[in-house]
Amino acid sequence: MKNRIIDWARDKFRRPKKTAQASCNVITRADHTISREQISPNALRVLYRLKDAGYAAFLVGGGVRDILLGCQPKDFDVATDAHPEAIRELFRNSRIIGRRFRLVHVFFQNEIIEVSTFRANVIEETRTIKNSDTGMIFRDNTYGTIEEDAWRRDFTVNALYYNIADFSVVDYMNGMYDLKHRLIRMIGDPTQRYHEDPVRLLRAIRLSAKLKFDVESETETTLKSLSHLLQHVATSRLYDECLKLFFCGHASLTYQKLLHYRYMDALFPQTMSVLQTQKNKTYEKLILLAMDATDARIQSDNNVNPAFLLAVLLWPVLQDQMSKMKNKKDKFFFRLFQMISDIIKTQVDAMMIPKRLQFAIQAIWILQFQLEKRRKSRIYNTFQHRYFRAAFDFMGLRVQAGEMSPECFNWWEKFQSVNADEKQKMIEVLK
């Protein structure tokens, strides 16, 4: 009797409860807009080889979603009933990866196709699951059916399967309905699913910004109250998610949503403390300008350096501490280096920043003071510095935000455009 009660409680409170909407809906080729011409040739090779070997083969997730929305997917994921070892045998150019859940990466010259085996419901194979006190899943190597796999995905619009066998779209979670109504809806109970993997909190915000979708009411209500769960996520995972948040071409809108749901407080606590205390519109404008500039560079296919945006996001903290520094002429740069080190160390406690980016942030900040001082003896050293261009662009944003006058920025802008003789004359007239 006791075991039956335990089984009932486990099933009731931890398994997503199915609804009438969860019945399988198969959309035939005539009733959807997906064409094989829109799918990567490499993904098609993987799908057909799995099919020809007798396995089920589906394109799944963001690739299906984006094609249905008329967008070009950045990557293509495949789901199958073949186990990783079987997939590995089919593709010499592949490797099994992952510990929490084993996947197969199939390598092509300019693309990696990720192939996953259908996952079973987390409750039905509890022997291979290890949950922390917070409910997070640390291991998940159980295999199941396509329906069980659909229940394990995060949002309904990501649980659409394109079947290479008959070119239909299989929909267990009513994702087509949410796609049509532009909604981000969590599959199952939002509270439980966020606890299983708190990074889903950030994914909901990112997907909402990327697609310009609304967040479904229950999914949103829970989202607003669970930002504290991010403290249980490895700081390295938060950094990886931060790259996706700000470097996919929708940084500005994503930032606004992170502010709205108060998730910037979890990712950049020092910055938000300064902004909320000082109510400084200049710093707020600086960050927004940096977000817009990042989006513009990505849309123009230009390279972006994460250190630049991180330097902008943490700049208000440095300026706040600088304002409290007494006697700025005494060992200024020594004290500045120590200040920068402390700020970065505190930020790393909240979200990991790789060492190479820490160095770049420090360089961009130090160069701000060297660009402003324009010491004759250091002009060329400053100009030839590896991060001069990033520091110069940083100063340009500060000018646009109204933090400083344009005189110094205009001088450096002219300095870059003139010949060597003119450069020397510009240096000589400096005080």
Protein backbone atom coordinates (compact mmCIF):
# COMPACT_ATOMS: atom_id res chain seq x y z
CA MET A 1 0.00 0.00 0.00
CA LYS A 2 2.80 2.38 0.96
CA ASN A 3 4.58 1.78 -2.35
CA ARG A 4 1.36 2.44 -4.27
CA ILE A 5 0.95 5.80 -2.49
CA ILE A 6 4.56 6.75 -3.26
CA ASP A 7 4.09 5.81 -6.91
CA TRP A 8 0.89 7.88 -7.10
CA ALA A 9 2.54 10.94 -5.52
CA ARG A 10 5.59 10.70 -7.74
CA ASP A 11 3.42 10.43 -10.83
CA LYS A 12 1.13 13.28 -9.82
CA PHE A 13 3.71 15.85 -8.84
CA ARG A 14 6.63 15.10 -11.12
CA ARG A 15 5.27 13.86 -14.44
CA PRO A 16 3.85 16.42 -16.85
CA LYS A 17 0.12 15.87 -16.92
CA LYS A 18 -1.18 15.09 -20.39
CA THR A 19 -4.21 16.92 -21.71
CA ALA A 20 -6.66 16.43 -24.47
CA GLN A 21 -4.54 18.74 -26.60
CA ALA A 22 -1.65 16.28 -26.48
CA SER A 23 -3.17 13.83 -28.97
CA CYS A 24 -0.98 13.31 -32.01
CA ASN A 25 -1.71 15.58 -34.93
CA VAL A 26 -0.13 14.59 -38.27
CA ILE A 27 0.04 17.42 -40.80
CA THR A 28 0.44 16.00 -44.29
CA ARG A 29 2.82 17.40 -46.89
CA ALA A 30 -0.01 19.25 -48.62
CA ASP A 31 -0.90 21.13 -45.43
CA HIS A 32 2.45 22.59 -44.34
CA THR A 33 5.16 24.74 -45.93
CA ILE A 34 8.31 22.69 -45.28
CA SER A 35 10.27 21.77 -48.39
CA ARG A 36 13.42 19.66 -48.58
CA GLU A 37 15.02 22.55 -50.47
CA GLN A 38 14.99 24.50 -47.19
CA ILE A 39 16.80 21.73 -45.30
CA SER A 40 20.57 21.41 -45.22
CA PRO A 41 21.83 18.76 -47.68
CA ASN A 42 23.91 17.31 -44.84
CA ALA A 43 20.86 16.98 -42.61
CA LEU A 44 19.02 15.26 -45.46
CA ARG A 45 21.91 12.80 -45.85
CA VAL A 46 21.66 11.92 -42.18
CA LEU A 47 17.88 11.56 -42.30
CA TYR A 48 17.90 9.35 -45.39
CA ARG A 49 20.71 7.12 -44.17
CA LEU A 50 18.85 6.49 -40.90
CA LYS A 51 15.64 5.81 -42.81
CA ASP A 52 17.34 3.44 -45.26
CA ALA A 53 18.83 1.55 -42.32
CA GLY A 54 15.34 0.90 -40.99
CA TYR A 55 15.20 3.57 -38.29
CA ALA A 56 12.69 6.37 -37.73
CA ALA A 57 14.23 9.70 -38.70
CA PHE A 58 12.82 13.14 -37.95
CA LEU A 59 14.03 16.71 -38.26
CA VAL A 60 13.08 18.31 -34.95
CA GLY A 61 13.20 21.48 -32.90
CA GLY A 62 14.25 24.94 -34.05
CA GLY A 63 14.91 23.83 -37.61
CA VAL A 64 11.30 22.76 -38.13
CA ARG A 65 9.97 25.77 -36.24
CA ASP A 66 12.00 28.31 -38.21
CA ILE A 67 11.15 26.86 -41.61
CA LEU A 68 7.45 26.96 -40.75
CA LEU A 69 7.90 30.61 -39.78
CA GLY A 70 9.60 31.38 -43.08
CA CYS A 71 13.06 31.82 -41.53
CA GLN A 72 16.36 30.16 -42.44
CA PRO A 73 17.45 27.87 -39.56
CA LYS A 74 20.98 28.21 -38.21
CA ASP A 75 21.25 24.51 -37.48
CA PHE A 76 19.38 21.27 -38.00
CA ASP A 77 18.79 18.62 -35.33
CA VAL A 78 17.71 15.05 -35.98
CA ALA A 79 15.79 12.70 -33.66
CA THR A 80 15.63 8.94 -34.16
CA ASP A 81 14.84 5.65 -32.43
CA ALA A 82 18.40 4.42 -33.16
CA HIS A 83 20.64 4.30 -30.09
CA PRO A 84 23.91 6.28 -30.08
CA GLU A 85 26.07 3.21 -30.75
CA ALA A 86 23.95 2.31 -33.78
CA ILE A 87 24.14 5.87 -35.10
CA ARG A 88 27.90 5.82 -34.62
CA GLU A 89 28.15 2.67 -36.71
CA LEU A 90 26.18 4.28 -39.54
CA PHE A 91 28.36 7.39 -39.69
CA ARG A 92 32.13 7.14 -39.64
CA ASN A 93 32.30 10.93 -39.45
CA SER A 94 30.58 11.00 -36.05
CA ARG A 95 31.31 11.11 -32.35
CA ILE A 96 29.25 10.30 -29.27
CA ILE A 97 29.21 13.21 -26.82
CA GLY A 98 27.50 14.20 -23.58
CA ARG A 99 27.17 12.80 -20.09
CA ARG A 100 23.75 13.95 -18.96
CA PHE A 101 22.28 12.68 -22.22
CA ARG A 102 24.37 11.02 -24.90
CA LEU A 103 24.13 12.53 -28.37
CA VAL A 104 25.89 11.93 -31.66
CA HIS A 105 27.54 14.68 -33.64
CA VAL A 106 27.89 13.90 -37.33
CA PHE A 107 30.67 16.02 -38.82
CA PHE A 108 30.65 17.48 -42.31
CA GLN A 109 33.06 19.95 -43.86
CA ASN A 110 31.20 23.07 -42.79
CA GLU A 111 28.43 21.77 -40.54
CA ILE A 112 27.68 19.53 -37.57
CA ILE A 113 24.37 17.66 -37.49
CA GLU A 114 23.28 16.70 -33.98
CA VAL A 115 21.45 13.37 -33.73
CA SER A 116 19.62 12.39 -30.55
CA THR A 117 17.79 9.22 -29.57
CA PHE A 118 14.16 9.55 -28.47
CA ARG A 119 14.14 10.14 -24.72
CA ALA A 120 11.81 8.39 -22.30
CA ASN A 121 9.73 10.10 -19.62
CA VAL A 122 11.98 10.96 -16.69
CA ILE A 123 9.73 9.14 -14.20
CA GLU A 124 9.51 5.85 -15.99
CA GLU A 125 13.21 5.08 -15.66
CA THR A 126 14.06 6.60 -12.30
CA ARG A 127 17.01 4.30 -11.75
CA THR A 128 19.14 6.29 -14.17
CA ILE A 129 18.05 9.71 -12.92
CA LYS A 130 19.80 11.66 -10.18
CA ASN A 131 17.96 14.76 -8.94
CA SER A 132 19.38 17.37 -6.61
CA ASP A 133 17.31 18.89 -3.79
CA THR A 134 16.22 21.59 -6.24
CA GLY A 135 14.73 19.07 -8.67
CA MET A 136 17.40 19.55 -11.33
CA ILE A 137 18.16 16.56 -13.55
CA PHE A 138 21.83 15.60 -13.59
CA ARG A 139 21.65 12.44 -15.66
CA ASP A 140 19.16 11.42 -18.28
CA ASN A 141 20.18 8.50 -20.49
CA THR A 142 16.85 6.71 -20.89
CA TYR A 143 15.43 6.05 -24.34
CA GLY A 144 11.80 5.91 -25.38
CA THR A 145 9.27 6.67 -28.09
CA ILE A 146 8.72 9.77 -30.17
CA GLU A 147 5.74 10.75 -27.99
CA GLU A 148 7.81 10.44 -24.82
CA ASP A 149 10.53 12.46 -26.52
CA ALA A 150 8.01 15.19 -27.34
CA TRP A 151 7.00 15.39 -23.66
CA ARG A 152 10.63 15.89 -22.67
CA ARG A 153 11.18 18.93 -24.89
CA ASP A 154 10.93 22.41 -23.43
CA PHE A 155 8.40 24.44 -25.42
CA THR A 156 5.56 23.36 -27.67
CA VAL A 157 6.92 25.20 -30.72
CA ASN A 158 10.14 23.19 -30.35
CA ALA A 159 8.33 19.84 -30.28
CA LEU A 160 7.43 19.58 -33.95
CA TYR A 161 8.83 16.61 -35.92
CA TYR A 162 9.32 16.52 -39.70
CA ASN A 163 9.15 12.90 -40.86
CA ILE A 164 11.47 12.18 -43.78
CA ALA A 165 9.53 8.97 -44.54
CA ASP A 166 6.36 10.72 -45.72
CA PHE A 167 7.26 14.46 -45.39
CA SER A 168 4.57 15.02 -42.75
CA VAL A 169 4.87 17.09 -39.56
CA VAL A 170 4.07 15.21 -36.36
CA ASP A 171 2.72 17.37 -33.54
CA TYR A 172 2.05 15.87 -30.08
CA MET A 173 2.11 19.14 -28.08
CA ASN A 174 -0.19 21.32 -30.19
CA GLY A 175 2.87 23.29 -31.26
CA MET A 176 1.29 24.26 -34.57
CA TYR A 177 -1.47 26.06 -32.68
CA ASP A 178 1.05 28.02 -30.60
CA LEU A 179 3.14 28.75 -33.67
CA LYS A 180 0.08 30.22 -35.39
CA HIS A 181 -0.86 32.27 -32.32
CA ARG A 182 2.75 33.31 -31.65
CA LEU A 183 2.99 31.87 -28.14
CA ILE A 184 5.86 30.44 -26.09
CA ARG A 185 4.28 27.74 -23.94
CA MET A 186 6.11 25.35 -21.61
CA ILE A 187 5.30 21.66 -22.09
CA GLY A 188 3.88 20.21 -18.88
CA ASP A 189 3.87 22.02 -15.54
CA PRO A 190 6.07 25.14 -15.86
CA THR A 191 7.21 25.11 -12.23
CA GLN A 192 8.38 21.51 -12.45
CA ARG A 193 10.06 21.96 -15.83
CA TYR A 194 11.92 25.10 -14.73
CA HIS A 195 13.13 23.30 -11.61
CA GLU A 196 14.37 20.38 -13.72
CA ASP A 197 16.56 22.74 -15.72
CA PRO A 198 16.57 26.43 -14.65
CA VAL A 199 18.31 27.44 -17.89
CA ARG A 200 14.86 27.04 -19.47
CA LEU A 201 13.99 30.32 -17.76
CA LEU A 202 16.50 32.13 -19.95
CA ARG A 203 15.53 30.09 -23.00
CA ALA A 204 11.92 31.22 -22.66
CA ILE A 205 13.04 34.86 -22.65
CA ARG A 206 15.49 34.35 -25.52
CA LEU A 207 12.97 32.53 -27.70
CA SER A 208 10.31 35.13 -27.00
CA ALA A 209 12.70 37.90 -28.09
CA LYS A 210 14.02 36.02 -31.12
CA LEU A 211 10.59 35.10 -32.51
CA LYS A 212 8.81 38.19 -31.14
CA PHE A 213 6.28 35.85 -29.53
CA ASP A 214 4.29 36.42 -26.34
CA VAL A 215 4.89 34.13 -23.38
CA GLU A 216 1.79 32.11 -22.51
CA SER A 217 0.23 33.29 -19.22
CA GLU A 218 1.01 30.29 -16.98
CA THR A 219 4.51 29.98 -18.42
CA GLU A 220 5.06 33.70 -17.84
CA THR A 221 3.63 33.82 -14.31
CA THR A 222 6.02 31.10 -13.19
CA LEU A 223 8.90 32.70 -15.08
CA LYS A 224 8.52 35.92 -13.09
CA SER A 225 8.96 34.19 -9.73
CA LEU A 226 11.86 31.79 -10.28
CA SER A 227 14.93 33.87 -11.16
CA HIS A 228 16.58 32.63 -7.94
CA LEU A 229 16.90 29.17 -9.51
CA LEU A 230 19.77 30.44 -11.67
CA GLN A 231 22.04 30.36 -8.63
CA HIS A 232 21.93 26.56 -8.88
CA VAL A 233 23.21 26.60 -12.48
CA ALA A 234 26.93 26.25 -13.20
CA THR A 235 28.41 29.66 -14.00
CA SER A 236 29.94 28.21 -17.19
CA ARG A 237 26.45 27.24 -18.44
CA LEU A 238 25.21 30.74 -17.67
CA TYR A 239 28.04 32.18 -19.76
CA ASP A 240 27.14 29.90 -22.69
CA GLU A 241 23.50 30.96 -22.40
CA CYS A 242 24.55 34.61 -22.17
CA LEU A 243 26.26 34.28 -25.56
CA LYS A 244 22.99 32.97 -27.02
CA LEU A 245 21.01 35.76 -25.37
CA PHE A 246 23.10 38.63 -26.72
CA PHE A 247 24.83 37.36 -29.85
CA CYS A 248 22.04 35.98 -32.01
CA GLY A 249 20.93 39.27 -33.52
CA HIS A 250 18.22 40.16 -30.98
CA ALA A 251 20.29 41.60 -28.12
CA SER A 252 18.32 44.82 -27.70
CA LEU A 253 14.89 43.19 -27.32
CA THR A 254 16.36 40.37 -25.22
CA TYR A 255 17.91 42.89 -22.85
CA GLN A 256 14.57 44.69 -22.46
CA LYS A 257 12.87 41.40 -21.63
CA LEU A 258 15.60 40.42 -19.16
CA LEU A 259 15.02 43.75 -17.41
CA HIS A 260 11.25 43.26 -17.47
CA TYR A 261 11.45 39.81 -15.87
CA ARG A 262 14.33 40.91 -13.56
CA TYR A 263 16.80 38.33 -14.84
CA MET A 264 19.55 40.91 -15.38
CA ASP A 265 19.74 41.01 -11.58
CA ALA A 266 20.79 37.36 -11.57
CA LEU A 267 23.25 37.65 -14.48
CA PHE A 268 24.82 41.03 -13.68
CA PRO A 269 24.02 41.82 -10.02
CA GLN A 270 26.67 44.55 -9.62
CA THR A 271 25.46 46.45 -12.67
CA MET A 272 21.82 46.31 -11.70
CA SER A 273 22.62 47.44 -8.18
CA VAL A 274 24.34 50.56 -9.55
CA LEU A 275 21.63 51.29 -12.12
CA GLN A 276 18.83 50.89 -9.58
CA THR A 277 20.62 52.98 -6.95
CA GLN A 278 21.83 55.83 -9.13
CA LYS A 279 18.97 55.92 -11.69
CA ASN A 280 21.60 57.12 -14.16
CA LYS A 281 20.02 57.43 -17.60
CA THR A 282 23.45 57.84 -19.23
CA TYR A 283 24.54 54.31 -18.32
CA GLU A 284 21.17 52.89 -19.33
CA LYS A 285 21.52 54.61 -22.71
CA LEU A 286 25.09 53.35 -23.07
CA ILE A 287 23.98 49.73 -22.61
CA LEU A 288 21.09 50.12 -25.06
CA LEU A 289 23.41 51.65 -27.66
CA ALA A 290 25.82 48.72 -27.22
CA MET A 291 22.97 46.24 -27.68
CA ASP A 292 21.86 47.99 -30.88
CA ALA A 293 25.44 48.08 -32.16
CA THR A 294 25.84 44.36 -31.48
CA ASP A 295 22.65 43.57 -33.41
CA ALA A 296 23.78 45.76 -36.30
CA ARG A 297 27.16 44.00 -36.54
CA ILE A 298 25.57 40.56 -36.51
CA GLN A 299 23.03 41.52 -39.15
CA SER A 300 25.92 42.80 -41.31
CA ASP A 301 27.83 39.53 -40.79
CA ASN A 302 30.62 41.33 -38.93
CA ASN A 303 32.54 39.71 -36.10
CA VAL A 304 31.57 40.50 -32.54
CA ASN A 305 33.74 40.22 -29.45
CA PRO A 306 31.78 39.26 -26.32
CA ALA A 307 34.34 41.17 -24.24
CA PHE A 308 33.14 44.46 -25.73
CA LEU A 309 29.53 44.03 -24.62
CA LEU A 310 30.59 42.63 -21.23
CA ALA A 311 32.84 45.67 -20.77
CA VAL A 312 29.85 47.94 -21.47
CA LEU A 313 27.58 46.01 -19.09
CA LEU A 314 30.10 46.28 -16.24
CA TRP A 315 31.27 49.85 -16.99
CA PRO A 316 28.70 51.48 -14.65
CA VAL A 317 30.19 49.45 -11.78
CA LEU A 318 33.71 50.71 -12.50
CA GLN A 319 32.50 54.29 -12.83
CA ASP A 320 30.59 54.01 -9.57
CA GLN A 321 33.68 52.82 -7.74
CA MET A 322 35.84 55.45 -9.44
CA SER A 323 33.52 58.15 -8.12
CA LYS A 324 34.28 56.97 -4.59
CA MET A 325 38.06 57.04 -5.11
CA LYS A 326 39.76 59.79 -3.13
CA ASN A 327 42.96 61.50 -4.31
CA LYS A 328 42.91 60.07 -7.83
CA LYS A 329 46.46 61.28 -8.54
CA ASP A 330 48.02 58.95 -5.98
CA LYS A 331 48.94 55.58 -7.57
CA PHE A 332 45.99 55.93 -9.92
CA PHE A 333 46.65 53.05 -12.30
CA PHE A 334 47.70 50.67 -9.52
CA ARG A 335 44.41 51.31 -7.73
CA LEU A 336 42.50 51.13 -11.02
CA PHE A 337 43.93 47.68 -11.82
CA GLN A 338 42.92 46.44 -8.38
CA MET A 339 39.44 47.86 -8.77
CA ILE A 340 39.00 46.17 -12.15
CA SER A 341 40.23 42.86 -10.76
CA ASP A 342 37.71 43.00 -7.91
CA ILE A 343 34.80 43.84 -10.25
CA ILE A 344 35.60 40.99 -12.63
CA LYS A 345 36.09 38.53 -9.75
CA THR A 346 32.69 39.41 -8.31
CA GLN A 347 31.07 39.05 -11.74
CA VAL A 348 32.70 35.65 -12.27
CA ASP A 349 31.04 34.46 -9.06
CA ALA A 350 27.68 35.10 -10.73
CA MET A 351 28.55 34.16 -14.32
CA MET A 352 31.80 32.72 -15.63
CA ILE A 353 33.90 34.87 -17.98
CA PRO A 354 36.82 33.16 -19.76
CA LYS A 355 40.28 34.49 -18.90
CA ARG A 356 40.90 35.77 -22.42
CA LEU A 357 37.75 37.91 -22.19
CA GLN A 358 38.70 39.14 -18.72
CA PHE A 359 41.99 40.38 -20.18
CA ALA A 360 40.17 42.08 -23.08
CA ILE A 361 37.70 43.81 -20.74
CA GLN A 362 40.56 45.10 -18.62
CA ALA A 363 42.42 46.35 -21.71
CA ILE A 364 39.36 48.16 -23.11
CA TRP A 365 38.80 49.89 -19.77
CA ILE A 366 42.46 50.90 -19.22
CA LEU A 367 42.61 52.25 -22.75
CA GLN A 368 39.69 54.58 -21.99
CA PHE A 369 41.89 56.52 -19.59
CA GLN A 370 44.90 56.45 -21.93
CA LEU A 371 42.78 57.66 -24.84
CA GLU A 372 41.48 60.52 -22.72
CA LYS A 373 44.90 61.53 -21.32
CA ARG A 374 46.64 61.50 -24.74
CA ARG A 375 50.16 61.58 -23.34
CA LYS A 376 52.60 62.44 -26.13
CA SER A 377 54.99 59.65 -25.20
CA ARG A 378 52.25 56.99 -25.33
CA ILE A 379 50.20 58.01 -28.35
CA TYR A 380 51.72 55.45 -30.73
CA ASN A 381 51.74 52.68 -28.12
CA THR A 382 48.07 53.33 -27.50
CA PHE A 383 47.30 53.51 -31.22
CA GLN A 384 49.06 50.19 -31.91
CA HIS A 385 47.46 48.37 -29.00
CA ARG A 386 45.69 45.14 -29.89
CA TYR A 387 42.40 46.44 -28.46
CA PHE A 388 42.68 50.03 -29.70
CA ARG A 389 39.80 49.71 -32.16
CA ALA A 390 37.51 48.13 -29.57
CA ALA A 391 38.43 50.83 -27.05
CA PHE A 392 37.87 53.56 -29.64
CA ASP A 393 34.41 52.17 -30.50
CA PHE A 394 33.69 51.94 -26.77
CA MET A 395 34.55 55.62 -26.40
CA GLY A 396 32.27 56.39 -29.34
CA LEU A 397 29.34 54.83 -27.49
CA ARG A 398 30.21 56.86 -24.39
CA VAL A 399 30.06 60.02 -26.50
CA GLN A 400 26.69 59.01 -28.00
CA ALA A 401 25.35 58.27 -24.52
CA GLY A 402 26.39 61.74 -23.33
CA GLU A 403 28.91 60.47 -20.78
CA MET A 404 31.76 62.53 -22.24
CA SER A 405 32.32 65.33 -24.75
CA PRO A 406 33.23 64.37 -28.33
CA GLU A 407 36.49 66.40 -28.45
CA CYS A 408 38.82 63.53 -27.50
CA PHE A 409 36.96 61.00 -29.66
CA ASN A 410 37.10 63.33 -32.68
CA TRP A 411 40.86 63.76 -32.18
CA TRP A 412 41.47 60.00 -32.31
CA GLU A 413 39.10 59.62 -35.25
CA LYS A 414 41.11 62.19 -37.23
CA PHE A 415 44.42 60.67 -36.07
CA GLN A 416 43.49 57.36 -37.71
CA SER A 417 42.73 58.96 -41.07
CA VAL A 418 45.79 61.18 -41.64
CA ASN A 419 49.29 60.32 -42.88
CA ALA A 420 52.39 59.93 -40.70
CA ASP A 421 53.46 63.60 -40.97
CA GLU A 422 50.02 64.84 -40.01
CA LYS A 423 49.96 62.38 -37.11
CA GLN A 424 53.22 63.82 -35.80
CA LYS A 425 51.91 67.39 -36.05
CA MET A 426 48.78 66.42 -34.12
CA ILE A 427 50.94 64.95 -31.37
CA GLU A 428 53.23 67.96 -31.17
CA VAL A 429 50.41 70.42 -30.52
CA LEU A 430 49.13 68.40 -27.57
CA LYS A 431 49.68 69.94 -24.17
